[in-house]
């Protein structure tokens, strides 16, 4: 695992060595992911979570994913280990994720649609 500056850990299952573009503010990231507990038990499958679309830094998603997606390049598959404060925190998700539960998220970044109007 690689330690991030934000307090979570990650490793590349699939690394893209040809792309250089990473999602930045205003871009749309298209990704799939699944969520597991620390024992490796699946909490939410990729099918349950469906393909996701995220407007970078402009939508409210899990804190760890907000930062982690910006480290990725198109076609990469990364496994993140998020402490509870970077996941669903004290509250959980009111369904399958309990309070203060650290999570393992495996994310595949399928595509990035750049937003050229955000040239600030």
Protein backbone atom coordinates (compact mmCIF):
# COMPACT_ATOMS: atom_id res chain seq x y z
CA UNK A 1 0.00 0.00 0.00
CA UNK A 2 1.02 3.61 -0.68
CA UNK A 3 0.29 6.11 2.09
CA UNK A 4 -1.60 9.22 0.98
CA UNK A 5 -1.15 12.67 2.46
CA UNK A 6 -4.85 12.64 3.45
CA UNK A 7 -4.64 9.65 5.79
CA UNK A 8 -5.71 6.68 3.66
CA UNK A 9 -3.76 3.97 1.84
CA UNK A 10 -4.00 2.61 -1.70
CA UNK A 11 -2.40 0.31 -4.26
CA UNK A 12 -2.71 -0.09 -8.01
CA UNK A 13 -4.24 -3.32 -9.31
CA UNK A 14 -4.04 -1.96 -12.85
CA UNK A 15 -1.71 0.95 -13.62
CA UNK A 16 -1.99 3.02 -16.80
CA UNK A 17 1.47 4.04 -17.98
CA UNK A 18 0.34 5.67 -21.24
CA UNK A 19 -2.25 8.19 -19.98
CA UNK A 20 -1.22 11.34 -18.16
CA UNK A 21 -4.63 12.95 -17.58
CA UNK A 22 -6.10 12.82 -14.10
CA UNK A 23 -9.54 14.14 -13.15
CA UNK A 24 -9.54 17.72 -11.90
CA UNK A 25 -12.17 20.11 -10.61
CA UNK A 26 -15.18 20.29 -12.91
CA UNK A 27 -14.31 17.16 -14.92
CA UNK A 28 -16.71 14.23 -14.96
CA UNK A 29 -15.27 10.93 -13.79
CA UNK A 30 -17.01 7.72 -14.83
CA UNK A 31 -16.16 4.85 -12.50
CA UNK A 32 -17.23 1.55 -10.99
CA UNK A 33 -16.47 0.44 -7.45
CA UNK A 34 -17.23 -2.06 -4.74
CA UNK A 35 -17.03 -1.74 -0.97
CA UNK A 36 -15.66 -4.36 1.44
CA UNK A 37 -15.01 -4.49 5.16
CA UNK A 38 -11.52 -5.06 6.56
CA UNK A 39 -12.02 -8.84 6.53
CA UNK A 40 -12.64 -8.69 2.77
CA UNK A 41 -16.39 -9.36 3.00
CA UNK A 42 -18.31 -7.54 0.28
CA UNK A 43 -20.69 -4.92 1.68
CA UNK A 44 -21.80 -3.49 -1.68
CA UNK A 45 -21.03 -5.18 -5.00
CA UNK A 46 -20.09 -3.28 -8.13
CA UNK A 47 -23.47 -4.30 -9.58
CA UNK A 48 -25.36 -2.89 -6.57
CA UNK A 49 -23.50 0.42 -6.82
CA UNK A 50 -23.94 0.65 -10.61
CA UNK A 51 -21.58 2.68 -12.81
CA UNK A 52 -21.04 6.05 -11.15
CA UNK A 53 -20.64 9.53 -12.56
CA UNK A 54 -18.97 12.20 -10.43
CA UNK A 55 -18.41 15.88 -11.16
CA UNK A 56 -15.02 16.31 -9.50
CA UNK A 57 -15.07 18.55 -6.40
CA UNK A 58 -18.62 19.65 -7.17
CA UNK A 59 -20.63 16.68 -5.89
CA UNK A 60 -20.93 15.16 -2.46
CA UNK A 61 -19.56 11.62 -2.38
CA UNK A 62 -17.54 9.69 0.21
CA UNK A 63 -14.62 11.90 1.33
CA UNK A 64 -11.97 9.29 0.52
CA UNK A 65 -13.31 8.77 -3.00
CA UNK A 66 -13.36 12.52 -3.64
CA UNK A 67 -9.61 12.61 -3.15
CA UNK A 68 -8.73 9.12 -4.41
CA UNK A 69 -10.34 9.55 -7.81
CA UNK A 70 -8.08 12.55 -8.46
CA UNK A 71 -5.03 10.27 -8.14
CA UNK A 72 -6.26 7.96 -10.90
CA UNK A 73 -5.87 7.89 -14.67
CA UNK A 74 -8.32 6.45 -17.17
CA UNK A 75 -8.33 2.64 -17.18
CA UNK A 76 -6.73 2.25 -13.77
CA UNK A 77 -8.04 0.00 -11.02
CA UNK A 78 -7.04 1.04 -7.51
CA UNK A 79 -7.83 -0.46 -4.11
CA UNK A 80 -8.21 2.11 -1.35
CA UNK A 81 -8.17 1.46 2.39
CA UNK A 82 -10.15 4.27 4.01
CA UNK A 83 -10.28 4.85 7.77
CA UNK A 84 -13.83 5.50 8.96
CA UNK A 85 -13.39 9.29 8.97
CA UNK A 86 -12.63 9.16 5.21
CA UNK A 87 -15.56 6.78 4.58
CA UNK A 88 -18.98 7.15 6.25
CA UNK A 89 -17.64 8.23 9.65
CA UNK A 90 -19.52 8.06 12.90
CA UNK A 91 -22.91 7.92 11.21
CA UNK A 92 -22.47 5.00 8.77
CA UNK A 93 -24.79 4.86 5.76
CA UNK A 94 -28.04 3.85 7.55
CA UNK A 95 -28.00 0.50 5.71
CA UNK A 96 -25.06 -1.93 5.64
CA UNK A 97 -22.17 0.23 6.84
CA UNK A 98 -21.95 0.68 10.60
CA UNK A 99 -20.57 3.49 12.71
CA UNK A 100 -16.83 4.15 12.61
CA UNK A 101 -16.26 1.39 10.03
CA UNK A 102 -13.07 1.49 7.95
CA UNK A 103 -13.65 0.36 4.35
CA UNK A 104 -11.81 -1.17 1.42
CA UNK A 105 -12.97 0.29 -1.90
CA UNK A 106 -11.82 -1.03 -5.25
CA UNK A 107 -12.35 1.61 -7.93
CA UNK A 108 -12.03 1.35 -11.72
CA UNK A 109 -11.85 4.70 -13.52
CA UNK A 110 -13.52 4.03 -16.87
CA UNK A 111 -13.41 7.48 -18.43
CA UNK A 112 -12.84 11.18 -17.81
CA UNK A 113 -14.78 13.91 -19.57
CA UNK A 114 -12.75 17.10 -19.23
CA UNK A 115 -14.52 20.36 -18.62
CA UNK A 116 -12.69 22.96 -20.69
CA UNK A 117 -14.76 25.80 -19.26
CA UNK A 118 -12.95 25.41 -15.90
CA UNK A 119 -9.72 27.05 -17.09
CA UNK A 120 -9.21 29.13 -13.94
